[in-house]
C-alpha atoms as a PDB file:
ATOM      1  CA  MET A   1      -1.865 -14.805  -8.604  1.00  0.00           C
ATOM      2  CA  ASN A   2      -4.531 -14.080 -10.932  1.00  0.00           C
ATOM      3  CA  SER A   3      -6.189 -10.684 -11.817  1.00  0.00           C
ATOM      4  CA  ASN A   4      -9.008 -11.380  -9.809  1.00  0.00           C
ATOM      5  CA  ASN A   5      -6.844 -11.588  -6.572  1.00  0.00           C
ATOM      6  CA  PHE A   6      -4.972  -8.454  -7.717  1.00  0.00           C
ATOM      7  CA  ILE A   7      -8.805  -6.655  -8.106  1.00  0.00           C
ATOM      8  CA  ALA A   8      -9.663  -7.572  -4.998  1.00  0.00           C
ATOM      9  CA  ILE A   9      -6.414  -7.047  -3.157  1.00  0.00           C
ATOM     10  CA  VAL A  10      -6.964  -3.406  -4.630  1.00  0.00           C
ATOM     11  CA  LYS A  11     -10.863  -2.800  -3.988  1.00  0.00           C
ATOM     12  CA  TYR A  12      -9.960  -4.077  -0.732  1.00  0.00           C
ATOM     13  CA  VAL A  13      -7.345  -1.654   0.428  1.00  0.00           C
ATOM     14  CA  ILE A  14      -9.261   1.220  -1.177  1.00  0.00           C
ATOM     15  CA  LEU A  15     -13.172   0.219  -0.040  1.00  0.00           C
ATOM     16  CA  ASN A  16     -12.795  -2.111   3.186  1.00  0.00           C
ATOM     17  CA  ASN A  17      -9.422  -0.372   4.358  1.00  0.00           C
ATOM     18  CA  TYR A  18      -9.574   3.410   3.341  1.00  0.00           C
ATOM     19  CA  CYS A  19      -8.027   4.787   6.363  1.00  0.00           C
ATOM     20  CA  ASN A  20      -7.497   1.565   8.430  1.00  0.00           C
ATOM     21  CA  PHE A  21      -3.965   2.404  10.252  1.00  0.00           C
ATOM     22  CA  GLU A  22      -4.405  -0.801  12.709  1.00  0.00           C
ATOM     23  CA  GLY A  23      -3.849  -4.342  12.200  1.00  0.00           C
ATOM     24  CA  ARG A  24      -1.129  -5.935   9.750  1.00  0.00           C
ATOM     25  CA  ALA A  25      -0.870  -6.376   5.998  1.00  0.00           C
ATOM     26  CA  SER A  26       0.817  -9.108   3.887  1.00  0.00           C
ATOM     27  CA  ARG A  27       3.103  -8.788   1.557  1.00  0.00           C
ATOM     28  CA  PRO A  28       1.188  -9.302  -1.177  1.00  0.00           C
ATOM     29  CA  GLU A  29      -1.592  -6.863  -0.043  1.00  0.00           C
ATOM     30  CA  TYR A  30       1.040  -4.089  -0.058  1.00  0.00           C
ATOM     31  CA  TRP A  31       2.921  -4.637  -3.177  1.00  0.00           C
ATOM     32  CA  TRP A  32      -0.034  -5.077  -5.484  1.00  0.00           C
ATOM     33  CA  PHE A  33      -1.607  -1.775  -4.162  1.00  0.00           C
ATOM     34  CA  PHE A  34       1.986   0.096  -4.801  1.00  0.00           C
ATOM     35  CA  LEU A  35       1.715  -1.857  -8.594  1.00  0.00           C
ATOM     36  CA  PHE A  36      -1.648  -0.640  -8.875  1.00  0.00           C
ATOM     37  CA  ASN A  37      -0.727   2.848  -7.802  1.00  0.00           C
ATOM     38  CA  PHE A  38       2.496   3.116  -9.846  1.00  0.00           C
ATOM     39  CA  VAL A  39       0.544   1.985 -13.309  1.00  0.00           C
ATOM     40  CA  VAL A  40      -2.213   4.508 -12.787  1.00  0.00           C
ATOM     41  CA  GLY A  41      -0.074   7.605 -11.547  1.00  0.00           C
ATOM     42  CA  LEU A  42       2.318   6.591 -14.839  1.00  0.00           C
ATOM     43  CA  ILE A  43      -0.954   6.797 -16.767  1.00  0.00           C
ATOM     44  CA  LEU A  44      -1.880   9.876 -15.926  1.00  0.00           C
ATOM     45  CA  SER A  45       1.560  11.204 -16.003  1.00  0.00           C
ATOM     46  CA  LEU A  46       1.901  10.242 -19.925  1.00  0.00           C
ATOM     47  CA  LEU A  47      -1.473  11.374 -20.090  1.00  0.00           C
ATOM     48  CA  GLY A  48      -0.697  14.790 -18.187  1.00  0.00           C
ATOM     49  CA  GLN A  49       0.961  15.387 -21.403  1.00  0.00           C
ATOM     50  CA  LEU A  50      -1.612  15.695 -23.354  1.00  0.00           C
ATOM     51  CA  GLY A  51      -3.607  18.292 -21.376  1.00  0.00           C
ATOM     52  CA  THR A  52      -4.208  20.066 -17.884  1.00  0.00           C
ATOM     53  CA  VAL A  53      -7.155  18.292 -17.422  1.00  0.00           C
ATOM     54  CA  PHE A  54      -5.287  15.283 -17.278  1.00  0.00           C
ATOM     55  CA  VAL A  55      -2.532  16.778 -14.518  1.00  0.00           C
ATOM     56  CA  ILE A  56      -5.728  17.910 -12.141  1.00  0.00           C
ATOM     57  CA  LEU A  57      -7.085  14.215 -12.384  1.00  0.00           C
ATOM     58  CA  SER A  58      -3.295  13.129 -11.694  1.00  0.00           C
ATOM     59  CA  TYR A  59      -3.207  15.212  -8.447  1.00  0.00           C
ATOM     60  CA  ILE A  60      -6.976  14.537  -7.410  1.00  0.00           C
ATOM     61  CA  TYR A  61      -5.848  10.747  -7.361  1.00  0.00           C
ATOM     62  CA  SER A  62      -2.665  11.469  -5.186  1.00  0.00           C
ATOM     63  CA  LEU A  63      -5.173  12.962  -2.834  1.00  0.00           C
ATOM     64  CA  ALA A  64      -7.345   9.824  -3.180  1.00  0.00           C
ATOM     65  CA  VAL A  65      -5.177   7.274  -2.265  1.00  0.00           C
ATOM     66  CA  LEU A  66      -2.879   9.285  -0.283  1.00  0.00           C
ATOM     67  CA  LEU A  67      -4.369   7.837   3.179  1.00  0.00           C
ATOM     68  CA  PRO A  68      -4.961   4.381   1.905  1.00  0.00           C
ATOM     69  CA  GLY A  69      -1.360   4.294   1.041  1.00  0.00           C
ATOM     70  CA  LEU A  70      -0.428   5.374   4.289  1.00  0.00           C
ATOM     71  CA  GLY A  71      -2.589   3.015   5.968  1.00  0.00           C
ATOM     72  CA  VAL A  72      -1.622  -0.303   3.843  1.00  0.00           C
ATOM     73  CA  CYS A  73       2.379   0.923   4.569  1.00  0.00           C
ATOM     74  CA  ILE A  74       1.881   1.231   7.997  1.00  0.00           C
ATOM     75  CA  ARG A  75       0.539  -2.389   8.736  1.00  0.00           C
ATOM     76  CA  ARG A  76       3.043  -3.517   6.106  1.00  0.00           C
ATOM     77  CA  LEU A  77       5.404  -2.730   8.853  1.00  0.00           C
ATOM     78  CA  HIS A  78       3.174  -3.675  11.792  1.00  0.00           C
ATOM     79  CA  ASP A  79       3.524  -6.806  10.188  1.00  0.00           C
ATOM     80  CA  ILE A  80       7.090  -7.198  11.081  1.00  0.00           C
ATOM     81  CA  ASN A  81       6.473  -5.780  14.152  1.00  0.00           C
ATOM     82  CA  LYS A  82       7.929  -2.076  13.586  1.00  0.00           C
ATOM     83  CA  SER A  83       5.504   0.795  14.949  1.00  0.00           C
ATOM     84  CA  GLY A  84       3.849   2.928  11.976  1.00  0.00           C
ATOM     85  CA  TRP A  85       6.256   5.491  12.995  1.00  0.00           C
ATOM     86  CA  ALA A  86       8.922   3.999  11.308  1.00  0.00           C
ATOM     87  CA  ILE A  87       7.894   4.822   8.343  1.00  0.00           C
ATOM     88  CA  LEU A  88       9.226   8.562   9.177  1.00  0.00           C
ATOM     89  CA  ILE A  89      13.013   6.651   8.319  1.00  0.00           C
ATOM     90  CA  ALA A  90      12.032   7.447   4.593  1.00  0.00           C
ATOM     91  CA  PHE A  91      12.912  11.140   5.424  1.00  0.00           C
ATOM     92  CA  VAL A  92      16.881  10.130   6.340  1.00  0.00           C
ATOM     93  CA  PRO A  93      18.283  10.844   2.715  1.00  0.00           C
ATOM     94  CA  VAL A  94      19.068   7.787   0.517  1.00  0.00           C
ATOM     95  CA  VAL A  95      19.614   5.241   3.541  1.00  0.00           C
ATOM     96  CA  GLY A  96      16.120   5.822   5.206  1.00  0.00           C
ATOM     97  CA  ALA A  97      14.535   5.005   1.285  1.00  0.00           C
ATOM     98  CA  ILE A  98      16.963   1.917   1.259  1.00  0.00           C
ATOM     99  CA  ILE A  99      15.896   0.743   4.710  1.00  0.00           C
ATOM    100  CA  LEU A 100      12.089   1.223   4.154  1.00  0.00           C
ATOM    101  CA  ILE A 101      11.942  -0.849   1.121  1.00  0.00           C
ATOM    102  CA  TYR A 102      13.937  -3.895   2.287  1.00  0.00           C
ATOM    103  CA  TRP A 103      11.332  -3.609   5.586  1.00  0.00           C
ATOM    104  CA  LEU A 104       8.548  -3.805   3.537  1.00  0.00           C
ATOM    105  CA  ALA A 105       9.909  -6.715   1.268  1.00  0.00           C
ATOM    106  CA  LYS A 106      10.570  -8.260   4.507  1.00  0.00           C
ATOM    107  CA  ALA A 107       8.485 -11.502   5.395  1.00  0.00           C
ATOM    108  CA  GLY A 108       6.392 -10.601   8.259  1.00  0.00           C
ATOM    109  CA  ASP A 109       6.231 -12.515  11.650  1.00  0.00           C
ATOM    110  CA  LEU A 110       4.614 -15.794  11.100  1.00  0.00           C
ATOM    111  CA  THR A 111       2.537 -15.882  14.603  1.00  0.00           C
ATOM    112  CA  GLU A 112       0.280 -12.971  16.382  1.00  0.00           C
ATOM    113  CA  ASN A 113       2.281 -10.217  17.425  1.00  0.00           C
ATOM    114  CA  GLN A 114       1.446  -7.025  19.410  1.00  0.00           C
ATOM    115  CA  TYR A 115      -0.381  -5.367  16.450  1.00  0.00           C
ATOM    116  CA  GLY A 116      -2.647  -8.554  15.605  1.00  0.00           C
ATOM    117  CA  PRO A 117      -3.205 -11.526  13.872  1.00  0.00           C
ATOM    118  CA  VAL A 118      -1.098 -12.731  10.962  1.00  0.00           C
ATOM    119  CA  PRO A 119      -2.743 -11.307   7.933  1.00  0.00           C
ATOM    120  CA  GLN A 120      -4.818 -13.143   4.865  1.00  0.00           C
ATOM    121  CA  THR A 121      -3.991 -12.265   1.899  1.00  0.00           C
ATOM    122  CA  PRO A 122      -7.513 -10.612   0.500  1.00  0.00           C
ATOM    123  CA  THR A 123      -9.391 -12.906  -2.358  1.00  0.00           C
ATOM    124  CA  ALA A 124     -12.198 -12.436  -4.297  1.00  0.00           C
ATOM    125  CA  ASP A 125     -14.183 -14.430  -2.347  1.00  0.00           C
ATOM    126  CA  THR A 126     -13.061 -12.452   0.915  1.00  0.00           C
ATOM    127  CA  VAL A 127     -13.786  -8.894  -0.387  1.00  0.00           C
ATOM    128  CA  GLY A 128     -17.141  -7.589  -0.603  1.00  0.00           C
END
């Protein structure tokens, strides 16, 4: 995957599916968005050591990506034919988080399921 696709996926999740909880999300769509949030969060956390303004910026960023993050996670669960409510398994101590990570890393259904057609990974050509 090249950097254009990485950027396209992040733009697609944030701009095209900001608050979308319907449909399906491919593995690359979820995990590239996760990586983006992890890196930005890490950078803001490190900068937070320098001053309060970066801590506030970190909180604002976290709030801004909360809905797209939940949306892409729920759509990823839909891709393996699980209800979005399955995300709540993460609240089961220790085991819940492990199960959720397994589900998020699992290959999606190869055919259309009750949540929609097989998702295509966004590319620079498909994101507007």
